[in-house]
Amino acid sequence: MLKVYRILLEPNLQILQSVNVFLIEGEEPILIDSGYQESVGQLSIKLDEIGFKLRDISMIINTHEHLDHFGGNAVIKETSRAKVAAHELAIPLMEDMRKQLPSEKHLKGLPDVIVEYARMRSSIYENLKTAKVDVKLKEGDFIKVGDLFLEVLHTPGHAPGHICLYERENRILFAGDMITEKGTPFVDCLHGNIGNFIKSLERLHTLEIDRAFLSHGGEITEVRERIGEILQRELVIEQKLLEILKNGEKEFSELVEEVYGGKGFPYFTYNSVLAHLLKLRDENLLKVEKKAGKFVISLL
């Protein structure tokens, strides 16, 4: 049986959220994700409390290429012999921070509220220390942990290089950002894809999972039920958008207002709605046009 410690790390900026990293005990302790660069001090203190040191870590497995999951890699590698492992699609964004911000061509196709926040977030971390990824992971790889094996499941959508780690014998899943304890995981329009996210969730829904360790939230045991809830909520958003558009074309901000009622942080609400609109557009259910500088959506 895996001995797992959940370690909650807090960011130093209010606009960022706390994140869990997980230490798997063994002769060669493994860390799943590394939190923010500025949280490594917290991590060191909390490892001391459970009887470990940063230098004990033999490997960091990053679930994906978002800053709260790999930001501590370089600092940890400086004080340990840890190797970094990540999915092959995540590596470019983890090794070169300039790639965290999409191209100008891509940004021009997004609403200003999304672009402005993306630029601001990118500027915060433009000087982040990065570390070379030593182990390139892909779907179906196995990572030995004691007498057990963690299976790499490529679960794109939240990020192109997102992986979950599945231990079949004990039905344990390290879910990364695929599952949240409440609400739904955030899928943005910079590197995310809601269609792929839904397919990945549907795949996880077919697995036998007794315990899931979440990057945001705690450990859950009613895993299939929680996945089903997230899938249902995503479906409800799509149905609501299609229902609104039956009454005629809508400007993008109007759709966001009708779906979220003015609640929530604009970067997340606008991103969420746009992610669904792009999926529905790709399914040939609607079209997105730019008229007089505004995004206008209508059914086909």
C-alpha atoms as a PDB file:
ATOM      1  CA  MET A   1       0.000   0.000   0.000  1.00  0.00           C
ATOM      2  CA  LEU A   2       1.277   3.462  -0.884  1.00  0.00           C
ATOM      3  CA  LYS A   3       2.037   5.768   2.031  1.00  0.00           C
ATOM      4  CA  VAL A   4       1.017   9.216   0.805  1.00  0.00           C
ATOM      5  CA  TYR A   5       1.380  12.591   2.511  1.00  0.00           C
ATOM      6  CA  ARG A   6      -0.668  15.550   1.278  1.00  0.00           C
ATOM      7  CA  ILE A   7       1.194  18.846   1.668  1.00  0.00           C
ATOM      8  CA  LEU A   8      -0.783  22.068   1.198  1.00  0.00           C
ATOM      9  CA  LEU A   9       1.223  25.006  -0.134  1.00  0.00           C
ATOM     10  CA  GLU A  10       0.042  28.624  -0.114  1.00  0.00           C
ATOM     11  CA  PRO A  11       1.042  31.243  -2.729  1.00  0.00           C
ATOM     12  CA  ASN A  12       2.307  34.693  -1.817  1.00  0.00           C
ATOM     13  CA  LEU A  13      -0.211  36.471  -4.088  1.00  0.00           C
ATOM     14  CA  GLN A  14      -3.959  36.562  -3.499  1.00  0.00           C
ATOM     15  CA  ILE A  15      -4.752  36.096  -7.184  1.00  0.00           C
ATOM     16  CA  LEU A  16      -3.189  32.623  -7.023  1.00  0.00           C
ATOM     17  CA  GLN A  17      -4.685  29.589  -5.335  1.00  0.00           C
ATOM     18  CA  SER A  18      -3.255  27.124  -2.856  1.00  0.00           C
ATOM     19  CA  VAL A  19      -2.130  23.776  -4.211  1.00  0.00           C
ATOM     20  CA  ASN A  20      -1.425  20.299  -2.877  1.00  0.00           C
ATOM     21  CA  VAL A  21       1.742  18.378  -3.573  1.00  0.00           C
ATOM     22  CA  PHE A  22       2.055  14.741  -2.564  1.00  0.00           C
ATOM     23  CA  LEU A  23       4.987  12.887  -1.094  1.00  0.00           C
ATOM     24  CA  ILE A  24       5.007   9.116  -1.646  1.00  0.00           C
ATOM     25  CA  GLU A  25       7.081   7.452   1.053  1.00  0.00           C
ATOM     26  CA  GLY A  26       9.675   4.864   0.105  1.00  0.00           C
ATOM     27  CA  GLU A  27      13.390   4.162  -0.049  1.00  0.00           C
ATOM     28  CA  GLU A  28      13.446   6.813  -2.763  1.00  0.00           C
ATOM     29  CA  PRO A  29      10.648   9.288  -1.916  1.00  0.00           C
ATOM     30  CA  ILE A  30       8.729  10.699  -4.869  1.00  0.00           C
ATOM     31  CA  LEU A  31       7.091  14.114  -4.999  1.00  0.00           C
ATOM     32  CA  ILE A  32       4.073  14.642  -7.207  1.00  0.00           C
ATOM     33  CA  ASP A  33       4.185  18.283  -8.311  1.00  0.00           C
ATOM     34  CA  SER A  34       6.326  20.946  -6.646  1.00  0.00           C
ATOM     35  CA  GLY A  35       4.055  23.939  -6.059  1.00  0.00           C
ATOM     36  CA  TYR A  36       5.166  27.531  -6.588  1.00  0.00           C
ATOM     37  CA  GLN A  37       8.808  28.563  -6.578  1.00  0.00           C
ATOM     38  CA  GLU A  38       8.177  30.829  -3.585  1.00  0.00           C
ATOM     39  CA  SER A  39       6.485  27.946  -1.711  1.00  0.00           C
ATOM     40  CA  VAL A  40       9.558  25.713  -1.546  1.00  0.00           C
ATOM     41  CA  GLY A  41      10.397  27.128   1.894  1.00  0.00           C
ATOM     42  CA  GLN A  42       6.955  26.048   3.124  1.00  0.00           C
ATOM     43  CA  LEU A  43       7.478  22.641   1.545  1.00  0.00           C
ATOM     44  CA  SER A  44      10.822  22.209   3.317  1.00  0.00           C
ATOM     45  CA  ILE A  45       9.281  23.023   6.707  1.00  0.00           C
ATOM     46  CA  LYS A  46       6.347  20.667   6.178  1.00  0.00           C
ATOM     47  CA  LEU A  47       8.629  17.866   5.023  1.00  0.00           C
ATOM     48  CA  ASP A  48      10.659  18.298   8.221  1.00  0.00           C
ATOM     49  CA  GLU A  49       7.451  17.893  10.226  1.00  0.00           C
ATOM     50  CA  ILE A  50       6.816  14.440   8.732  1.00  0.00           C
ATOM     51  CA  GLY A  51      10.441  13.335   8.925  1.00  0.00           C
ATOM     52  CA  PHE A  52      11.812  14.119   5.458  1.00  0.00           C
ATOM     53  CA  LYS A  53      14.206  16.605   3.888  1.00  0.00           C
ATOM     54  CA  LEU A  54      14.181  18.233   0.459  1.00  0.00           C
ATOM     55  CA  ARG A  55      17.399  16.384  -0.293  1.00  0.00           C
ATOM     56  CA  ASP A  56      15.577  13.042   0.181  1.00  0.00           C
ATOM     57  CA  ILE A  57      13.388  13.534  -2.887  1.00  0.00           C
ATOM     58  CA  SER A  58      14.468  11.253  -5.717  1.00  0.00           C
ATOM     59  CA  MET A  59      11.958  12.304  -8.360  1.00  0.00           C
ATOM     60  CA  ILE A  60       9.414  15.051  -9.017  1.00  0.00           C
ATOM     61  CA  ILE A  61       6.556  13.943 -11.255  1.00  0.00           C
ATOM     62  CA  ASN A  62       4.740  16.972 -12.643  1.00  0.00           C
ATOM     63  CA  THR A  63       1.091  16.394 -13.516  1.00  0.00           C
ATOM     64  CA  HIS A  64       1.167  19.261 -16.019  1.00  0.00           C
ATOM     65  CA  GLU A  65       2.709  22.498 -17.205  1.00  0.00           C
ATOM     66  CA  HIS A  66       0.894  25.054 -15.029  1.00  0.00           C
ATOM     67  CA  LEU A  67       3.020  27.196 -12.729  1.00  0.00           C
ATOM     68  CA  ASP A  68       1.502  26.020  -9.449  1.00  0.00           C
ATOM     69  CA  HIS A  69       2.525  22.469 -10.326  1.00  0.00           C
ATOM     70  CA  PHE A  70       6.118  22.829 -11.532  1.00  0.00           C
ATOM     71  CA  GLY A  71       7.295  26.189 -10.159  1.00  0.00           C
ATOM     72  CA  GLY A  72       9.401  24.620  -7.397  1.00  0.00           C
ATOM     73  CA  ASN A  73      11.296  22.188  -9.631  1.00  0.00           C
ATOM     74  CA  ALA A  74      14.498  24.192 -10.083  1.00  0.00           C
ATOM     75  CA  VAL A  75      14.933  25.136  -6.418  1.00  0.00           C
ATOM     76  CA  ILE A  76      14.291  21.565  -5.273  1.00  0.00           C
ATOM     77  CA  LYS A  77      16.770  20.181  -7.810  1.00  0.00           C
ATOM     78  CA  GLU A  78      19.430  22.549  -6.458  1.00  0.00           C
ATOM     79  CA  THR A  79      19.228  20.904  -3.021  1.00  0.00           C
ATOM     80  CA  SER A  80      18.479  17.304  -3.980  1.00  0.00           C
ATOM     81  CA  ARG A  81      19.299  14.628  -6.503  1.00  0.00           C
ATOM     82  CA  ALA A  82      15.723  14.682  -7.778  1.00  0.00           C
ATOM     83  CA  LYS A  83      15.002  13.971 -11.411  1.00  0.00           C
ATOM     84  CA  VAL A  84      12.051  15.756 -13.004  1.00  0.00           C
ATOM     85  CA  ALA A  85       9.486  13.763 -14.986  1.00  0.00           C
ATOM     86  CA  ALA A  86       6.662  15.163 -17.117  1.00  0.00           C
ATOM     87  CA  HIS A  87       4.622  14.369 -20.200  1.00  0.00           C
ATOM     88  CA  GLU A  88       6.400  15.104 -23.454  1.00  0.00           C
ATOM     89  CA  LEU A  89       3.810  17.762 -24.424  1.00  0.00           C
ATOM     90  CA  ALA A  90       4.319  19.620 -21.143  1.00  0.00           C
ATOM     91  CA  ILE A  91       8.092  19.897 -21.420  1.00  0.00           C
ATOM     92  CA  PRO A  92       8.397  22.904 -23.784  1.00  0.00           C
ATOM     93  CA  LEU A  93       6.276  25.122 -21.512  1.00  0.00           C
ATOM     94  CA  MET A  94       8.101  23.938 -18.392  1.00  0.00           C
ATOM     95  CA  GLU A  95      11.595  24.536 -19.749  1.00  0.00           C
ATOM     96  CA  ASP A  96      10.931  27.869 -21.494  1.00  0.00           C
ATOM     97  CA  MET A  97       8.703  30.360 -19.671  1.00  0.00           C
ATOM     98  CA  ARG A  98       8.301  32.462 -22.826  1.00  0.00           C
ATOM     99  CA  LYS A  99       6.037  29.742 -24.199  1.00  0.00           C
ATOM    100  CA  GLN A 100       3.576  30.127 -21.319  1.00  0.00           C
ATOM    101  CA  LEU A 101       2.156  33.157 -23.152  1.00  0.00           C
ATOM    102  CA  PRO A 102       0.697  32.187 -26.542  1.00  0.00           C
ATOM    103  CA  SER A 103       1.686  33.921 -29.767  1.00  0.00           C
ATOM    104  CA  GLU A 104       0.383  37.381 -30.627  1.00  0.00           C
ATOM    105  CA  LYS A 105      -1.647  35.831 -33.430  1.00  0.00           C
ATOM    106  CA  HIS A 106      -3.416  33.568 -30.941  1.00  0.00           C
ATOM    107  CA  LEU A 107      -3.942  36.381 -28.435  1.00  0.00           C
ATOM    108  CA  LYS A 108      -5.559  38.617 -31.061  1.00  0.00           C
ATOM    109  CA  GLY A 109      -8.353  36.075 -31.366  1.00  0.00           C
ATOM    110  CA  LEU A 110      -9.240  36.305 -27.674  1.00  0.00           C
ATOM    111  CA  PRO A 111     -11.284  38.872 -25.703  1.00  0.00           C
ATOM    112  CA  ASP A 112      -9.294  41.672 -24.046  1.00  0.00           C
ATOM    113  CA  VAL A 113     -10.198  40.598 -20.492  1.00  0.00           C
ATOM    114  CA  ILE A 114      -8.525  37.228 -21.088  1.00  0.00           C
ATOM    115  CA  VAL A 115      -5.483  38.675 -22.856  1.00  0.00           C
ATOM    116  CA  GLU A 116      -4.826  41.323 -20.185  1.00  0.00           C
ATOM    117  CA  TYR A 117      -4.884  38.798 -17.348  1.00  0.00           C
ATOM    118  CA  ALA A 118      -2.742  36.338 -19.321  1.00  0.00           C
ATOM    119  CA  ARG A 119      -0.105  39.026 -19.917  1.00  0.00           C
ATOM    120  CA  MET A 120      -0.143  40.063 -16.269  1.00  0.00           C
ATOM    121  CA  ARG A 121       0.167  36.489 -15.033  1.00  0.00           C
ATOM    122  CA  SER A 122       2.985  35.815 -17.479  1.00  0.00           C
ATOM    123  CA  SER A 123       4.890  38.920 -16.360  1.00  0.00           C
ATOM    124  CA  ILE A 124       4.796  37.752 -12.734  1.00  0.00           C
ATOM    125  CA  TYR A 125       6.719  34.622 -13.621  1.00  0.00           C
ATOM    126  CA  GLU A 126       8.934  35.779 -16.466  1.00  0.00           C
ATOM    127  CA  ASN A 127      11.991  35.402 -14.213  1.00  0.00           C
ATOM    128  CA  LEU A 128      11.000  32.030 -12.770  1.00  0.00           C
ATOM    129  CA  LYS A 129      13.865  29.566 -12.498  1.00  0.00           C
ATOM    130  CA  THR A 130      13.236  26.571 -14.713  1.00  0.00           C
ATOM    131  CA  ALA A 131      14.698  23.090 -14.605  1.00  0.00           C
ATOM    132  CA  LYS A 132      15.451  20.602 -17.346  1.00  0.00           C
ATOM    133  CA  VAL A 133      13.022  17.700 -17.503  1.00  0.00           C
ATOM    134  CA  ASP A 134      15.020  14.503 -17.128  1.00  0.00           C
ATOM    135  CA  VAL A 135      12.337  11.892 -17.812  1.00  0.00           C
ATOM    136  CA  LYS A 136       9.944  12.254 -20.742  1.00  0.00           C
ATOM    137  CA  LEU A 137       6.639  10.515 -20.002  1.00  0.00           C
ATOM    138  CA  LYS A 138       3.932   9.276 -22.338  1.00  0.00           C
ATOM    139  CA  GLU A 139       0.667   7.369 -22.162  1.00  0.00           C
ATOM    140  CA  GLY A 140       1.118   3.851 -20.772  1.00  0.00           C
ATOM    141  CA  ASP A 141       4.469   4.401 -19.059  1.00  0.00           C
ATOM    142  CA  PHE A 142       4.962   2.951 -15.571  1.00  0.00           C
ATOM    143  CA  ILE A 143       6.890   4.439 -12.662  1.00  0.00           C
ATOM    144  CA  LYS A 144       8.032   1.955 -10.025  1.00  0.00           C
ATOM    145  CA  VAL A 145       7.283   2.905  -6.419  1.00  0.00           C
ATOM    146  CA  GLY A 146       8.470   0.176  -4.062  1.00  0.00           C
ATOM    147  CA  ASP A 147       6.670  -2.997  -5.137  1.00  0.00           C
ATOM    148  CA  LEU A 148       3.941  -1.039  -6.931  1.00  0.00           C
ATOM    149  CA  PHE A 149       3.694   0.843 -10.219  1.00  0.00           C
ATOM    150  CA  LEU A 150       2.140   4.183 -11.092  1.00  0.00           C
ATOM    151  CA  GLU A 151       0.641   4.104 -14.577  1.00  0.00           C
ATOM    152  CA  VAL A 152       0.803   7.279 -16.632  1.00  0.00           C
ATOM    153  CA  LEU A 153      -2.563   8.255 -18.093  1.00  0.00           C
ATOM    154  CA  HIS A 154      -2.418  11.097 -20.598  1.00  0.00           C
ATOM    155  CA  THR A 155      -5.477  13.224 -19.805  1.00  0.00           C
ATOM    156  CA  PRO A 156      -5.308  16.366 -21.969  1.00  0.00           C
ATOM    157  CA  GLY A 157      -7.811  19.199 -21.847  1.00  0.00           C
ATOM    158  CA  HIS A 158      -6.966  21.208 -18.759  1.00  0.00           C
ATOM    159  CA  ALA A 159      -3.505  21.361 -20.324  1.00  0.00           C
ATOM    160  CA  PRO A 160      -2.066  19.535 -23.371  1.00  0.00           C
ATOM    161  CA  GLY A 161       0.500  17.676 -21.268  1.00  0.00           C
ATOM    162  CA  HIS A 162      -1.734  16.827 -18.301  1.00  0.00           C
ATOM    163  CA  ILE A 163      -1.314  13.360 -16.815  1.00  0.00           C
ATOM    164  CA  CYS A 164      -2.940  11.410 -14.029  1.00  0.00           C
ATOM    165  CA  LEU A 165      -1.106   8.666 -12.170  1.00  0.00           C
ATOM    166  CA  TYR A 166      -3.051   5.460 -11.532  1.00  0.00           C
ATOM    167  CA  GLU A 167      -2.096   2.670  -9.153  1.00  0.00           C
ATOM    168  CA  ARG A 168      -4.350  -0.174 -10.254  1.00  0.00           C
ATOM    169  CA  GLU A 169      -3.712  -2.668  -7.454  1.00  0.00           C
ATOM    170  CA  ASN A 170      -5.011  -0.329  -4.756  1.00  0.00           C
ATOM    171  CA  ARG A 171      -7.251   1.709  -7.094  1.00  0.00           C
ATOM    172  CA  ILE A 172      -5.551   5.012  -6.285  1.00  0.00           C
ATOM    173  CA  LEU A 173      -5.513   8.014  -8.621  1.00  0.00           C
ATOM    174  CA  PHE A 174      -3.385  11.142  -8.436  1.00  0.00           C
ATOM    175  CA  ALA A 175      -5.776  13.340 -10.372  1.00  0.00           C
ATOM    176  CA  GLY A 176      -3.847  16.584 -10.834  1.00  0.00           C
ATOM    177  CA  ASP A 177      -6.365  19.200 -11.951  1.00  0.00           C
ATOM    178  CA  MET A 178      -8.769  16.800 -13.631  1.00  0.00           C
ATOM    179  CA  ILE A 179     -11.013  16.561 -10.560  1.00  0.00           C
ATOM    180  CA  THR A 180     -11.854  19.191  -7.958  1.00  0.00           C
ATOM    181  CA  GLU A 181     -13.560  18.699  -4.626  1.00  0.00           C
ATOM    182  CA  LYS A 182     -16.116  21.407  -5.457  1.00  0.00           C
ATOM    183  CA  GLY A 183     -17.203  23.185  -8.607  1.00  0.00           C
ATOM    184  CA  THR A 184     -15.480  22.277 -11.869  1.00  0.00           C
ATOM    185  CA  PRO A 185     -11.835  22.396 -12.948  1.00  0.00           C
ATOM    186  CA  PHE A 186     -10.855  25.493 -14.880  1.00  0.00           C
ATOM    187  CA  VAL A 187     -10.179  25.048 -18.589  1.00  0.00           C
ATOM    188  CA  ASP A 188      -8.779  28.154 -20.251  1.00  0.00           C
ATOM    189  CA  CYS A 189      -8.471  29.132 -23.902  1.00  0.00           C
ATOM    190  CA  LEU A 190      -4.734  29.754 -23.881  1.00  0.00           C
ATOM    191  CA  HIS A 191      -3.590  26.142 -23.887  1.00  0.00           C
ATOM    192  CA  GLY A 192      -6.698  24.245 -22.752  1.00  0.00           C
ATOM    193  CA  ASN A 193      -9.439  22.463 -24.701  1.00  0.00           C
ATOM    194  CA  ILE A 194     -12.811  21.700 -23.127  1.00  0.00           C
ATOM    195  CA  GLY A 195     -13.605  18.960 -25.651  1.00  0.00           C
ATOM    196  CA  ASN A 196     -10.441  17.055 -24.769  1.00  0.00           C
ATOM    197  CA  PHE A 197     -11.069  17.720 -21.078  1.00  0.00           C
ATOM    198  CA  ILE A 198     -14.501  16.092 -21.271  1.00  0.00           C
ATOM    199  CA  LYS A 199     -13.093  13.080 -23.151  1.00  0.00           C
ATOM    200  CA  SER A 200     -10.380  12.672 -20.512  1.00  0.00           C
ATOM    201  CA  LEU A 201     -12.955  12.843 -17.719  1.00  0.00           C
ATOM    202  CA  GLU A 202     -15.107  10.254 -19.460  1.00  0.00           C
ATOM    203  CA  ARG A 203     -12.081   7.977 -19.611  1.00  0.00           C
ATOM    204  CA  LEU A 204     -11.416   8.383 -15.875  1.00  0.00           C
ATOM    205  CA  HIS A 205     -15.094   7.659 -15.223  1.00  0.00           C
ATOM    206  CA  THR A 206     -14.597   4.120 -16.570  1.00  0.00           C
ATOM    207  CA  LEU A 207     -11.777   3.260 -14.135  1.00  0.00           C
ATOM    208  CA  GLU A 208     -12.079   1.509 -10.778  1.00  0.00           C
ATOM    209  CA  ILE A 209     -10.915   4.207  -8.352  1.00  0.00           C
ATOM    210  CA  ASP A 210     -11.350   3.984  -4.583  1.00  0.00           C
ATOM    211  CA  ARG A 211      -9.270   7.033  -3.628  1.00  0.00           C
ATOM    212  CA  ALA A 212      -8.333  10.130  -5.582  1.00  0.00           C
ATOM    213  CA  PHE A 213      -5.768  12.680  -4.436  1.00  0.00           C
ATOM    214  CA  LEU A 214      -6.620  16.128  -5.777  1.00  0.00           C
ATOM    215  CA  SER A 215      -4.291  19.044  -6.423  1.00  0.00           C
ATOM    216  CA  HIS A 216      -6.977  21.470  -5.264  1.00  0.00           C
ATOM    217  CA  GLY A 217      -9.096  20.150  -2.417  1.00  0.00           C
ATOM    218  CA  GLY A 218      -8.593  17.015  -0.392  1.00  0.00           C
ATOM    219  CA  GLU A 219      -8.746  13.282  -0.871  1.00  0.00           C
ATOM    220  CA  ILE A 220     -12.065  11.904  -2.136  1.00  0.00           C
ATOM    221  CA  THR A 221     -13.484   8.395  -2.169  1.00  0.00           C
ATOM    222  CA  GLU A 222     -16.749   8.818  -4.118  1.00  0.00           C
ATOM    223  CA  VAL A 223     -14.721   9.311  -7.264  1.00  0.00           C
ATOM    224  CA  ARG A 224     -17.111   8.118  -9.999  1.00  0.00           C
ATOM    225  CA  GLU A 225     -19.892  10.204  -8.522  1.00  0.00           C
ATOM    226  CA  ARG A 226     -17.731  13.317  -8.415  1.00  0.00           C
ATOM    227  CA  ILE A 227     -16.577  12.849 -12.003  1.00  0.00           C
ATOM    228  CA  GLY A 228     -20.196  12.410 -13.041  1.00  0.00           C
ATOM    229  CA  GLU A 229     -21.112  15.670 -11.323  1.00  0.00           C
ATOM    230  CA  ILE A 230     -18.385  17.565 -13.163  1.00  0.00           C
ATOM    231  CA  LEU A 231     -19.445  16.119 -16.518  1.00  0.00           C
ATOM    232  CA  GLN A 232     -23.042  17.058 -15.813  1.00  0.00           C
ATOM    233  CA  ARG A 233     -22.118  20.639 -14.915  1.00  0.00           C
ATOM    234  CA  GLU A 234     -20.170  21.044 -18.130  1.00  0.00           C
ATOM    235  CA  LEU A 235     -23.165  19.723 -20.086  1.00  0.00           C
ATOM    236  CA  VAL A 236     -25.486  22.164 -18.319  1.00  0.00           C
ATOM    237  CA  ILE A 237     -23.321  25.129 -19.383  1.00  0.00           C
ATOM    238  CA  GLU A 238     -23.408  24.004 -23.007  1.00  0.00           C
ATOM    239  CA  GLN A 239     -27.173  23.474 -22.933  1.00  0.00           C
ATOM    240  CA  LYS A 240     -27.660  26.896 -21.371  1.00  0.00           C
ATOM    241  CA  LEU A 241     -25.567  28.589 -24.055  1.00  0.00           C
ATOM    242  CA  LEU A 242     -27.484  26.879 -26.850  1.00  0.00           C
ATOM    243  CA  GLU A 243     -30.805  27.773 -25.225  1.00  0.00           C
ATOM    244  CA  ILE A 244     -29.833  31.458 -24.929  1.00  0.00           C
ATOM    245  CA  LEU A 245     -28.718  31.588 -28.560  1.00  0.00           C
ATOM    246  CA  LYS A 246     -32.059  30.253 -29.788  1.00  0.00           C
ATOM    247  CA  ASN A 247     -33.335  33.802 -29.247  1.00  0.00           C
ATOM    248  CA  GLY A 248     -30.809  35.263 -31.677  1.00  0.00           C
ATOM    249  CA  GLU A 249     -27.169  36.298 -31.801  1.00  0.00           C
ATOM    250  CA  LYS A 250     -25.476  37.544 -28.640  1.00  0.00           C
ATOM    251  CA  GLU A 251     -22.381  39.554 -27.912  1.00  0.00           C
ATOM    252  CA  PHE A 252     -19.844  37.534 -25.930  1.00  0.00           C
ATOM    253  CA  SER A 253     -20.048  39.594 -22.725  1.00  0.00           C
ATOM    254  CA  GLU A 254     -23.845  39.228 -22.758  1.00  0.00           C
ATOM    255  CA  LEU A 255     -23.500  35.453 -22.806  1.00  0.00           C
ATOM    256  CA  VAL A 256     -21.081  35.525 -19.877  1.00  0.00           C
ATOM    257  CA  GLU A 257     -23.516  37.709 -17.926  1.00  0.00           C
ATOM    258  CA  GLU A 258     -26.469  35.401 -18.615  1.00  0.00           C
ATOM    259  CA  VAL A 259     -24.536  32.257 -17.665  1.00  0.00           C
ATOM    260  CA  TYR A 260     -22.806  33.582 -14.528  1.00  0.00           C
ATOM    261  CA  GLY A 261     -25.042  36.505 -13.531  1.00  0.00           C
ATOM    262  CA  GLY A 262     -22.119  38.813 -12.867  1.00  0.00           C
ATOM    263  CA  LYS A 263     -20.602  36.438 -10.316  1.00  0.00           C
ATOM    264  CA  GLY A 264     -17.043  35.136 -10.397  1.00  0.00           C
ATOM    265  CA  PHE A 265     -13.681  36.550 -11.460  1.00  0.00           C
ATOM    266  CA  PRO A 266     -13.979  37.778 -15.099  1.00  0.00           C
ATOM    267  CA  TYR A 267     -10.858  35.983 -16.320  1.00  0.00           C
ATOM    268  CA  PHE A 268     -12.341  32.651 -15.247  1.00  0.00           C
ATOM    269  CA  THR A 269     -15.949  33.269 -16.279  1.00  0.00           C
ATOM    270  CA  TYR A 270     -15.028  34.652 -19.707  1.00  0.00           C
ATOM    271  CA  ASN A 271     -12.533  31.857 -20.265  1.00  0.00           C
ATOM    272  CA  SER A 272     -15.016  29.164 -19.254  1.00  0.00           C
ATOM    273  CA  VAL A 273     -17.732  30.427 -21.573  1.00  0.00           C
ATOM    274  CA  LEU A 274     -15.313  30.887 -24.469  1.00  0.00           C
ATOM    275  CA  ALA A 275     -13.944  27.363 -24.011  1.00  0.00           C
ATOM    276  CA  HIS A 276     -17.463  25.969 -24.418  1.00  0.00           C
ATOM    277  CA  LEU A 277     -18.245  28.244 -27.365  1.00  0.00           C
ATOM    278  CA  LEU A 278     -15.121  27.073 -29.197  1.00  0.00           C
ATOM    279  CA  LYS A 279     -16.097  23.438 -28.598  1.00  0.00           C
ATOM    280  CA  LEU A 280     -19.614  24.059 -29.919  1.00  0.00           C
ATOM    281  CA  ARG A 281     -18.147  25.921 -32.891  1.00  0.00           C
ATOM    282  CA  ASP A 282     -15.886  22.971 -33.682  1.00  0.00           C
ATOM    283  CA  GLU A 283     -18.990  20.754 -33.547  1.00  0.00           C
ATOM    284  CA  ASN A 284     -20.611  23.033 -36.164  1.00  0.00           C
ATOM    285  CA  LEU A 285     -23.382  24.133 -33.815  1.00  0.00           C
ATOM    286  CA  LEU A 286     -22.593  27.849 -33.803  1.00  0.00           C
ATOM    287  CA  LYS A 287     -20.302  30.509 -35.246  1.00  0.00           C
ATOM    288  CA  VAL A 288     -18.144  33.108 -33.552  1.00  0.00           C
ATOM    289  CA  GLU A 289     -17.529  36.357 -35.436  1.00  0.00           C
ATOM    290  CA  LYS A 290     -15.838  39.643 -34.649  1.00  0.00           C
ATOM    291  CA  LYS A 291     -17.974  42.672 -35.466  1.00  0.00           C
ATOM    292  CA  ALA A 292     -16.863  46.230 -34.739  1.00  0.00           C
ATOM    293  CA  GLY A 293     -14.263  44.903 -32.321  1.00  0.00           C
ATOM    294  CA  LYS A 294     -16.728  42.710 -30.430  1.00  0.00           C
ATOM    295  CA  PHE A 295     -17.200  38.949 -30.461  1.00  0.00           C
ATOM    296  CA  VAL A 296     -20.691  37.986 -31.632  1.00  0.00           C
ATOM    297  CA  ILE A 297     -22.047  34.444 -31.410  1.00  0.00           C
ATOM    298  CA  SER A 298     -24.975  32.885 -33.254  1.00  0.00           C
ATOM    299  CA  LEU A 299     -26.357  29.421 -34.005  1.00  0.00           C
ATOM    300  CA  LEU A 300     -25.751  27.837 -37.382  1.00  0.00           C
END
